[in-house]
Amino acid sequence: MFVDIAKIRVKAGKGGDGRVAFHREKYVAAGGPDGGDGGKGGDIVFVADKHLSTLLDFRFKRKYTAPDGDMGGTNKSFGKNGENVYIKVPVGTLIKDAATGAILHDMSDEQPFVAARGGRGGWGNTHFATPTRQAPRFAKPGLPGDELELLLELKLIADVGFLGFPNVGKSTLLSVISAARPKIANYHFTTLSPNLGVVYVGEGQSFVAADIPGIIEGAAEGAGLGHDFLRHIDRCRMLVHVVDVAGSEGRDPVEDLIAINAELAAFSETLATRPQIIAANKCDILDPESDNLQRLRDKAEELGYELIEISAASNQGTKELIYKVWQLLETLPPVTVYEPEVDLSIMTEVPKEREIIIEHEDGIWYITGAWVEKIVSSINFDDYESRMYFDRVLRKAGVFDMLERDGIQEKDTVDVFGLQFEYVY
């Protein structure tokens, strides 16, 4: 089964918590704090694999989670980092933000891409020792890892795309000029997924051709199979438009040429302007009295396309077509590589500003916010010094000033993520 779109959720590992520990050794009195830092959470990393050709695996697994980092140890030892999770995708896969559709990365080479970074490990209590606070009984928790919902979209990487109506001979042509062996039969939509083939031209000269499933009128709006596979010719540097010049299917070749180009324009204006060569196929069965070839040639000249007469079935004109394609490719820029449309670091960045939200409801003052929650999670409220540290942090951040500005009275109840206390000036 050929699958070229998949939606998945990835979650990097949480950083390990810092350790609260004190040095214990015979003959060493008051050894002091020696809690180590937590390990970093594992990353989610995408890797392009040239041996893959479909996103089928993502039909069965849609969520990928990296391991968390370990808690810090004693003797100032660091916790173990969480292992990275590597996700293999076919070459040419676009990684997009599922919510906006913005491109995050184009997996067009073998360079790995870190989509979600693991959280940083928390500090052990060693970091909080001061001349006046020599035995801190608190440490920082590890930060959460990035979590994203991603859309994977496969766009094949090929130099040349073969397109045309069903049963015009695209698969036969690809099988003749390359080692590819696509399914060939005398009925419509024999090809249900794109096929790639490497075409050898000469010493050190070759190009990749893609046989795209038959496109019909209305394909850009979803008719037939073309809508699903038009994306696969987005990267192609040029197009070979295969036309049944003999009209063996009862269609007019000129009208076929016009219709397919109209579908390209409806799907993408850029794609419609891509260089084309018209391959007038099935010339071996063309009625000598028919004017189809001449009319098609005239229309091709009007559109500025070169026309080459071929018969894929009898291998007639195929070598000339190969050389013409190669000559045109030599003048064209390389295969398109999509640039990121959004900075991933902005999407996953932990807010640096101190987010503090104060609400007054039913006589209780509620203090919330991501920054406040992180502070609360790092405090050991059973320890007096930890509570004093918490008080100083809130006071330094201006929380008490904000409460007094909003009208808090002495002995009013304050709630900080479930922890309640009376306010005292």
Protein backbone atom coordinates (compact mmCIF):
# COMPACT_ATOMS: atom_id res chain seq x y z
CA MET A 1 0.00 0.00 0.00
CA PHE A 2 1.31 3.44 -0.94
CA VAL A 3 0.75 6.00 1.83
CA ASP A 4 2.06 9.52 1.32
CA ILE A 5 0.37 11.49 4.14
CA ALA A 6 0.39 10.74 7.86
CA LYS A 7 -0.29 12.66 11.05
CA ILE A 8 1.68 11.80 14.18
CA ARG A 9 2.35 13.19 17.65
CA VAL A 10 5.88 13.35 19.03
CA LYS A 11 6.94 14.04 22.61
CA ALA A 12 10.51 14.49 23.75
CA GLY A 13 11.61 13.27 27.16
CA LYS A 14 11.37 15.32 30.35
CA GLY A 15 14.60 16.33 32.01
CA GLY A 16 15.51 14.44 35.17
CA ASP A 17 14.95 16.15 38.51
CA GLY A 18 17.85 17.45 40.52
CA ARG A 19 18.79 15.45 43.62
CA VAL A 20 18.58 16.62 47.23
CA ALA A 21 21.45 14.85 48.99
CA PHE A 22 24.18 15.52 51.54
CA HIS A 23 27.68 14.18 51.71
CA ARG A 24 28.06 11.33 54.19
CA GLU A 25 31.55 10.06 54.94
CA LYS A 26 33.27 8.74 58.03
CA TYR A 27 35.35 11.36 59.81
CA VAL A 28 33.88 14.13 57.60
CA ALA A 29 31.51 16.27 59.62
CA ALA A 30 28.93 18.44 57.87
CA GLY A 31 29.95 17.30 54.42
CA GLY A 32 27.47 19.67 52.82
CA PRO A 33 25.09 19.28 49.89
CA ASP A 34 26.18 17.03 47.02
CA GLY A 35 22.99 16.38 45.03
CA GLY A 36 23.69 16.07 41.30
CA ASP A 37 21.83 17.49 38.31
CA GLY A 38 19.20 15.51 36.40
CA GLY A 39 19.90 14.12 32.96
CA LYS A 40 18.57 15.63 29.74
CA GLY A 41 15.41 14.13 28.20
CA GLY A 42 15.67 12.24 24.93
CA ASP A 43 15.14 14.00 21.57
CA ILE A 44 12.84 13.00 18.70
CA VAL A 45 15.03 12.83 15.59
CA PHE A 46 13.93 12.25 11.97
CA VAL A 47 16.27 10.46 9.56
CA ALA A 48 15.79 10.08 5.79
CA ASP A 49 16.10 6.48 4.59
CA LYS A 50 16.57 5.91 0.86
CA HIS A 51 15.28 2.35 1.24
CA LEU A 52 11.81 3.56 2.25
CA SER A 53 9.23 4.65 -0.33
CA THR A 54 6.01 5.05 1.66
CA LEU A 55 4.70 6.33 4.99
CA LEU A 56 2.79 3.11 5.60
CA ASP A 57 4.46 2.48 8.98
CA PHE A 58 2.77 5.58 10.39
CA ARG A 59 -0.66 4.04 9.81
CA PHE A 60 0.05 1.63 12.66
CA LYS A 61 2.00 3.86 15.05
CA ARG A 62 1.05 7.49 15.50
CA LYS A 63 2.67 8.50 18.78
CA TYR A 64 6.40 8.59 19.51
CA THR A 65 7.70 9.36 23.00
CA ALA A 66 11.34 9.65 24.02
CA PRO A 67 12.52 8.46 27.47
CA ASP A 68 12.92 10.93 30.33
CA GLY A 69 16.28 11.79 31.83
CA ASP A 70 17.21 10.15 35.14
CA MET A 71 17.30 11.99 38.45
CA GLY A 72 20.65 13.31 39.57
CA GLY A 73 22.70 11.14 41.91
CA THR A 74 24.69 11.67 45.07
CA ASN A 75 28.32 12.81 45.12
CA LYS A 76 27.35 15.51 42.57
CA SER A 77 26.88 12.87 39.88
CA PHE A 78 24.71 13.66 36.86
CA GLY A 79 21.63 11.63 36.01
CA LYS A 80 21.69 9.59 32.80
CA ASN A 81 20.38 11.32 29.68
CA GLY A 82 17.28 9.87 28.04
CA GLU A 83 17.97 8.04 24.78
CA ASN A 84 16.97 9.70 21.53
CA VAL A 85 14.17 8.21 19.43
CA TYR A 86 15.01 8.01 15.71
CA ILE A 87 12.15 7.99 13.21
CA LYS A 88 12.95 6.86 9.66
CA VAL A 89 11.07 8.46 6.75
CA PRO A 90 11.46 8.25 2.95
CA VAL A 91 13.70 10.76 1.23
CA GLY A 92 11.55 13.70 0.14
CA THR A 93 9.26 13.75 3.19
CA LEU A 94 8.09 17.17 4.29
CA ILE A 95 7.63 17.63 8.04
CA LYS A 96 4.87 20.16 8.73
CA ASP A 97 3.12 21.62 11.72
CA ALA A 98 -0.25 19.83 11.77
CA ALA A 99 -2.16 22.90 13.00
CA THR A 100 -0.89 25.46 10.48
CA GLY A 101 0.52 23.33 7.65
CA ALA A 102 3.78 25.33 7.81
CA ILE A 103 6.88 23.45 6.65
CA LEU A 104 9.34 22.73 9.45
CA HIS A 105 11.87 20.71 7.47
CA ASP A 106 12.39 19.01 4.12
CA MET A 107 13.99 15.56 4.48
CA SER A 108 15.76 15.75 1.12
CA ASP A 109 19.18 14.69 2.34
CA GLU A 110 20.67 12.35 4.91
CA GLN A 111 21.12 15.01 7.58
CA PRO A 112 19.08 14.16 10.72
CA PHE A 113 16.48 16.66 11.92
CA VAL A 114 15.67 17.16 15.60
CA ALA A 115 11.93 17.85 15.67
CA ALA A 116 11.42 17.81 19.45
CA ARG A 117 14.15 18.50 21.98
CA GLY A 118 14.29 16.86 25.37
CA GLY A 119 13.94 18.98 28.49
CA ARG A 120 16.98 20.17 30.40
CA GLY A 121 17.77 18.37 33.64
CA GLY A 122 17.07 20.15 36.93
CA TRP A 123 19.77 21.43 39.25
CA GLY A 124 20.70 19.46 42.34
CA ASN A 125 20.78 21.15 45.75
CA THR A 126 24.52 21.74 45.34
CA HIS A 127 23.71 24.79 43.21
CA PHE A 128 21.67 26.44 45.97
CA ALA A 129 24.28 26.40 48.71
CA THR A 130 25.30 29.87 49.94
CA PRO A 131 27.26 31.14 52.98
CA THR A 132 23.93 31.76 54.75
CA ARG A 133 22.09 28.71 53.39
CA GLN A 134 24.59 25.91 53.79
CA ALA A 135 22.16 22.98 53.76
CA PRO A 136 19.50 23.61 51.07
CA ARG A 137 16.86 20.89 51.11
CA PHE A 138 15.41 21.59 47.69
CA ALA A 139 16.38 21.10 44.03
CA LYS A 140 14.99 22.06 40.66
CA PRO A 141 12.80 19.71 38.65
CA GLY A 142 13.66 18.85 35.07
CA LEU A 143 12.01 20.84 32.31
CA PRO A 144 9.39 19.18 30.08
CA GLY A 145 10.36 18.14 26.55
CA ASP A 146 8.82 19.55 23.38
CA GLU A 147 5.52 18.03 22.27
CA LEU A 148 4.25 18.54 18.73
CA GLU A 149 1.61 17.24 16.37
CA LEU A 150 3.19 16.82 12.95
CA LEU A 151 1.94 16.20 9.43
CA LEU A 152 4.23 14.09 7.25
CA GLU A 153 3.82 14.56 3.51
CA LEU A 154 5.85 12.60 1.00
CA LYS A 155 6.83 14.40 -2.20
CA LEU A 156 8.95 12.17 -4.39
CA ILE A 157 12.29 13.50 -5.56
CA ALA A 158 12.61 13.03 -9.32
CA ASP A 159 14.15 15.04 -12.15
CA VAL A 160 11.40 14.24 -14.64
CA GLY A 161 7.71 13.53 -14.17
CA PHE A 162 5.67 11.54 -16.70
CA LEU A 163 2.09 12.70 -16.77
CA GLY A 164 -0.95 12.21 -18.92
CA PHE A 165 -4.38 10.60 -19.05
CA PRO A 166 -4.82 6.97 -17.95
CA ASN A 167 -3.63 4.27 -20.34
CA VAL A 168 -1.55 6.55 -22.57
CA GLY A 169 1.61 4.48 -22.03
CA LYS A 170 3.49 6.22 -19.21
CA SER A 171 4.31 2.98 -17.38
CA THR A 172 5.37 1.27 -20.59
CA LEU A 173 7.66 4.17 -21.40
CA LEU A 174 9.26 4.07 -17.93
CA SER A 175 9.82 0.30 -18.21
CA VAL A 176 11.50 0.73 -21.60
CA ILE A 177 13.94 3.50 -20.68
CA SER A 178 14.81 2.31 -17.13
CA ALA A 179 15.05 -0.81 -15.01
CA ALA A 180 11.75 -0.02 -13.29
CA ARG A 181 9.03 -2.64 -13.62
CA PRO A 182 5.68 -0.92 -13.06
CA LYS A 183 2.44 -2.82 -13.53
CA ILE A 184 1.28 -2.63 -17.15
CA ALA A 185 -2.17 -3.63 -18.41
CA ASN A 186 -4.74 -2.50 -20.93
CA TYR A 187 -7.16 -0.79 -18.55
CA HIS A 188 -7.42 2.54 -16.76
CA PHE A 189 -5.64 3.27 -13.49
CA THR A 190 -3.32 0.28 -13.75
CA THR A 191 -0.80 2.41 -11.85
CA LEU A 192 -2.11 3.15 -8.36
CA SER A 193 1.06 4.66 -6.92
CA PRO A 194 4.01 6.62 -8.34
CA ASN A 195 6.93 4.60 -9.72
CA LEU A 196 10.53 5.77 -9.90
CA GLY A 197 13.16 4.68 -12.38
CA VAL A 198 16.78 5.69 -13.03
CA VAL A 199 17.39 6.44 -16.71
CA TYR A 200 20.96 5.87 -17.91
CA VAL A 201 22.09 8.30 -20.60
CA GLY A 202 25.85 7.82 -20.79
CA GLU A 203 29.00 7.61 -18.71
CA GLY A 204 28.22 9.48 -15.49
CA GLN A 205 24.96 10.75 -16.95
CA SER A 206 21.59 9.67 -15.59
CA PHE A 207 18.35 11.09 -14.24
CA VAL A 208 15.41 9.93 -12.14
CA ALA A 209 11.99 9.70 -13.78
CA ALA A 210 8.64 9.33 -12.01
CA ASP A 211 5.57 7.70 -13.52
CA ILE A 212 2.59 9.52 -11.99
CA PRO A 213 -0.81 7.73 -11.91
CA GLY A 214 -3.24 8.88 -14.60
CA ILE A 215 -4.70 12.34 -14.20
CA ILE A 216 -8.22 13.13 -15.38
CA GLU A 217 -10.24 16.32 -15.68
CA GLY A 218 -11.11 17.65 -12.25
CA ALA A 219 -8.03 16.10 -10.65
CA ALA A 220 -7.07 19.39 -8.97
CA GLU A 221 -10.46 19.30 -7.19
CA GLY A 222 -10.04 15.67 -6.15
CA ALA A 223 -11.43 13.70 -9.10
CA GLY A 224 -9.83 10.34 -9.87
CA LEU A 225 -6.38 9.54 -8.48
CA GLY A 226 -4.58 12.58 -9.79
CA HIS A 227 -5.37 14.83 -6.85
CA ASP A 228 -3.54 12.44 -4.51
CA PHE A 229 -0.43 12.30 -6.68
CA LEU A 230 -0.10 15.72 -8.30
CA ARG A 231 2.05 16.69 -5.29
CA HIS A 232 4.67 14.18 -6.44
CA ILE A 233 5.54 16.20 -9.53
CA ASP A 234 5.95 19.39 -7.48
CA ARG A 235 9.70 18.83 -7.23
CA CYS A 236 10.25 17.67 -10.83
CA ARG A 237 12.58 19.89 -12.78
CA MET A 238 10.66 19.21 -15.99
CA LEU A 239 7.69 17.22 -17.28
CA VAL A 240 7.23 14.74 -20.09
CA HIS A 241 3.62 14.93 -21.21
CA VAL A 242 2.70 11.55 -22.71
CA VAL A 243 -0.18 11.86 -25.19
CA ASP A 244 -2.00 9.05 -27.03
CA VAL A 245 -1.65 10.55 -30.50
CA ALA A 246 -3.49 7.60 -32.08
CA GLY A 247 -6.60 8.35 -30.04
CA SER A 248 -6.93 4.65 -29.19
CA GLU A 249 -9.12 5.49 -26.18
CA GLY A 250 -11.50 7.57 -28.30
CA ARG A 251 -10.12 10.87 -27.00
CA ASP A 252 -8.69 13.75 -28.99
CA PRO A 253 -4.92 14.23 -28.29
CA VAL A 254 -5.08 18.03 -28.55
CA GLU A 255 -7.94 18.20 -26.09
CA ASP A 256 -5.99 15.86 -23.78
CA LEU A 257 -3.00 18.21 -23.87
CA ILE A 258 -5.15 21.23 -23.06
CA ALA A 259 -7.06 19.44 -20.30
CA ILE A 260 -3.99 18.15 -18.45
CA ASN A 261 -2.26 21.53 -18.59
CA ALA A 262 -5.44 23.12 -17.22
CA GLU A 263 -5.32 20.70 -14.28
CA LEU A 264 -1.67 21.58 -13.64
CA ALA A 265 -2.55 25.29 -13.60
CA ALA A 266 -5.47 24.66 -11.23
CA PHE A 267 -3.22 22.74 -8.86
CA SER A 268 -0.20 25.06 -9.01
CA GLU A 269 0.65 28.04 -11.22
CA THR A 270 4.34 27.25 -10.73
CA LEU A 271 3.84 23.68 -11.89
CA ALA A 272 2.01 24.88 -15.00
CA THR A 273 5.07 26.86 -16.09
CA ARG A 274 7.48 23.93 -15.63
CA PRO A 275 9.37 23.02 -18.89
CA GLN A 276 7.63 20.28 -20.88
CA ILE A 277 8.36 17.91 -23.71
CA ILE A 278 5.40 16.36 -25.52
CA ALA A 279 5.84 12.62 -26.13
CA ALA A 280 3.40 11.72 -28.92
CA ASN A 281 3.01 8.03 -28.04
CA LYS A 282 1.50 5.12 -30.03
CA CYS A 283 2.70 6.51 -33.35
CA ASP A 284 3.02 2.91 -34.59
CA ILE A 285 -0.77 2.48 -34.59
CA LEU A 286 -1.63 5.97 -35.84
CA ASP A 287 -4.03 6.00 -38.79
CA PRO A 288 -2.04 7.35 -41.79
CA GLU A 289 -5.05 9.44 -42.83
CA SER A 290 -5.45 11.00 -39.37
CA ASP A 291 -4.39 14.60 -38.78
CA ASN A 292 -3.96 14.05 -35.04
CA LEU A 293 -0.16 14.25 -35.14
CA GLN A 294 -0.07 17.46 -37.15
CA ARG A 295 -2.70 19.16 -34.98
CA LEU A 296 -0.85 18.09 -31.84
CA ARG A 297 2.43 19.39 -33.27
CA ASP A 298 0.83 22.73 -34.11
CA LYS A 299 -0.60 23.04 -30.61
CA ALA A 300 2.75 22.12 -29.04
CA GLU A 301 4.51 24.81 -31.08
CA GLU A 302 1.83 27.31 -30.06
CA LEU A 303 2.51 26.52 -26.39
CA GLY A 304 6.28 26.55 -26.89
CA TYR A 305 6.82 22.81 -26.27
CA GLU A 306 8.99 20.45 -28.27
CA LEU A 307 7.22 17.34 -29.61
CA ILE A 308 8.89 13.96 -30.12
CA GLU A 309 7.19 11.06 -31.87
CA ILE A 310 7.56 7.78 -29.97
CA SER A 311 6.14 4.32 -29.56
CA ALA A 312 6.94 2.97 -26.11
CA ALA A 313 5.63 -0.48 -27.06
CA SER A 314 8.04 -0.85 -30.03
CA ASN A 315 10.85 1.28 -28.51
CA GLN A 316 10.57 3.76 -31.36
CA GLY A 317 11.93 7.27 -30.68
CA THR A 318 12.66 6.56 -27.00
CA LYS A 319 16.42 7.17 -27.29
CA GLU A 320 15.80 10.52 -28.93
CA LEU A 321 13.41 11.39 -26.10
CA ILE A 322 16.02 10.45 -23.48
CA TYR A 323 18.69 12.67 -25.04
CA LYS A 324 16.28 15.59 -25.43
CA VAL A 325 15.30 15.29 -21.79
CA TRP A 326 18.95 15.17 -20.71
CA GLN A 327 19.86 18.23 -22.80
CA LEU A 328 17.04 20.19 -21.19
CA LEU A 329 17.92 19.01 -17.68
CA GLU A 330 21.48 20.28 -18.17
CA THR A 331 20.07 23.83 -18.39
CA LEU A 332 17.69 23.59 -15.43
CA PRO A 333 18.28 24.24 -11.70
CA PRO A 334 18.50 21.27 -9.28
CA VAL A 335 15.53 19.55 -7.67
CA THR A 336 13.53 21.83 -5.40
CA VAL A 337 14.28 21.70 -1.70
CA TYR A 338 11.64 23.45 0.42
CA GLU A 339 12.81 25.99 2.97
CA PRO A 340 11.30 25.99 6.48
CA GLU A 341 8.33 28.34 6.75
CA VAL A 342 8.51 28.68 10.53
CA ASP A 343 11.34 28.62 13.05
CA LEU A 344 10.93 25.46 15.11
CA SER A 345 12.82 27.01 18.02
CA ILE A 346 10.12 29.68 18.30
CA MET A 347 7.36 27.06 18.36
CA THR A 348 8.98 25.05 21.15
CA GLU A 349 10.72 27.81 23.09
CA VAL A 350 10.02 27.89 26.82
CA PRO A 351 8.65 31.38 27.62
CA LYS A 352 11.41 33.46 29.17
CA GLU A 353 9.08 36.05 30.67
CA ARG A 354 7.79 35.45 34.18
CA GLU A 355 4.18 34.57 33.58
CA ILE A 356 2.21 35.53 36.70
CA ILE A 357 -1.59 35.49 36.74
CA ILE A 358 -3.54 36.79 39.76
CA GLU A 359 -7.31 36.22 40.09
CA HIS A 360 -9.66 37.00 43.00
CA GLU A 361 -12.64 34.69 43.37
CA ASP A 362 -14.89 33.87 46.36
CA GLY A 363 -12.54 35.62 48.77
CA ILE A 364 -9.46 33.64 47.64
CA TRP A 365 -6.52 35.10 45.71
CA TYR A 366 -5.31 32.60 43.11
CA ILE A 367 -1.76 32.88 41.78
CA THR A 368 -1.11 30.88 38.61
CA GLY A 369 1.20 30.91 35.59
CA ALA A 370 3.79 28.62 34.01
CA TRP A 371 6.69 30.31 35.79
CA VAL A 372 4.98 30.13 39.19
CA GLU A 373 4.14 26.46 38.65
CA LYS A 374 7.79 25.70 37.88
CA ILE A 375 8.89 27.44 41.09
CA VAL A 376 6.31 25.59 43.21
CA SER A 377 7.41 22.23 41.82
CA SER A 378 10.99 22.89 42.93
CA ILE A 379 10.20 23.70 46.57
CA ASN A 380 10.26 21.28 49.50
CA PHE A 381 7.54 22.82 51.69
CA ASP A 382 8.44 20.54 54.61
CA ASP A 383 11.73 22.40 54.90
CA TYR A 384 11.84 25.84 56.55
CA GLU A 385 14.71 27.14 54.38
CA SER A 386 12.90 26.03 51.24
CA ARG A 387 9.80 27.96 52.28
CA MET A 388 11.86 31.06 52.97
CA TYR A 389 13.50 30.70 49.58
CA PHE A 390 10.03 30.46 47.98
CA ASP A 391 8.96 33.62 49.82
CA ARG A 392 12.02 35.54 48.63
CA VAL A 393 11.57 34.44 45.01
CA LEU A 394 7.94 35.57 44.93
CA ARG A 395 8.77 38.85 46.63
CA LYS A 396 11.66 39.54 44.25
CA ALA A 397 9.43 38.77 41.26
CA GLY A 398 6.95 41.41 42.44
CA VAL A 399 4.10 39.02 43.26
CA PHE A 400 3.40 40.61 46.65
CA ASP A 401 3.44 44.09 45.11
CA MET A 402 0.90 42.94 42.52
CA LEU A 403 -1.35 41.49 45.24
CA GLU A 404 -1.26 44.70 47.28
CA ARG A 405 -1.90 46.80 44.19
CA ASP A 406 -4.99 44.69 43.48
CA GLY A 407 -6.31 45.23 47.02
CA ILE A 408 -5.37 42.17 49.06
CA GLN A 409 -5.99 42.53 52.80
CA GLU A 410 -4.08 41.03 55.69
CA LYS A 411 -5.16 37.47 56.56
CA ASP A 412 -6.79 37.00 53.12
CA THR A 413 -6.31 33.48 51.76
CA VAL A 414 -3.79 33.03 48.92
CA ASP A 415 -3.81 29.87 46.78
CA VAL A 416 -0.73 28.91 44.77
CA PHE A 417 -1.53 25.73 42.80
CA GLY A 418 -3.42 24.18 45.71
CA LEU A 419 -1.07 25.45 48.43
CA GLN A 420 -3.03 27.89 50.62
CA PHE A 421 -1.74 30.34 53.24
CA GLU A 422 -2.81 33.58 54.95
CA TYR A 423 -1.34 36.78 53.62
CA VAL A 424 0.68 38.76 56.17
CA TYR A 425 2.20 42.18 55.46
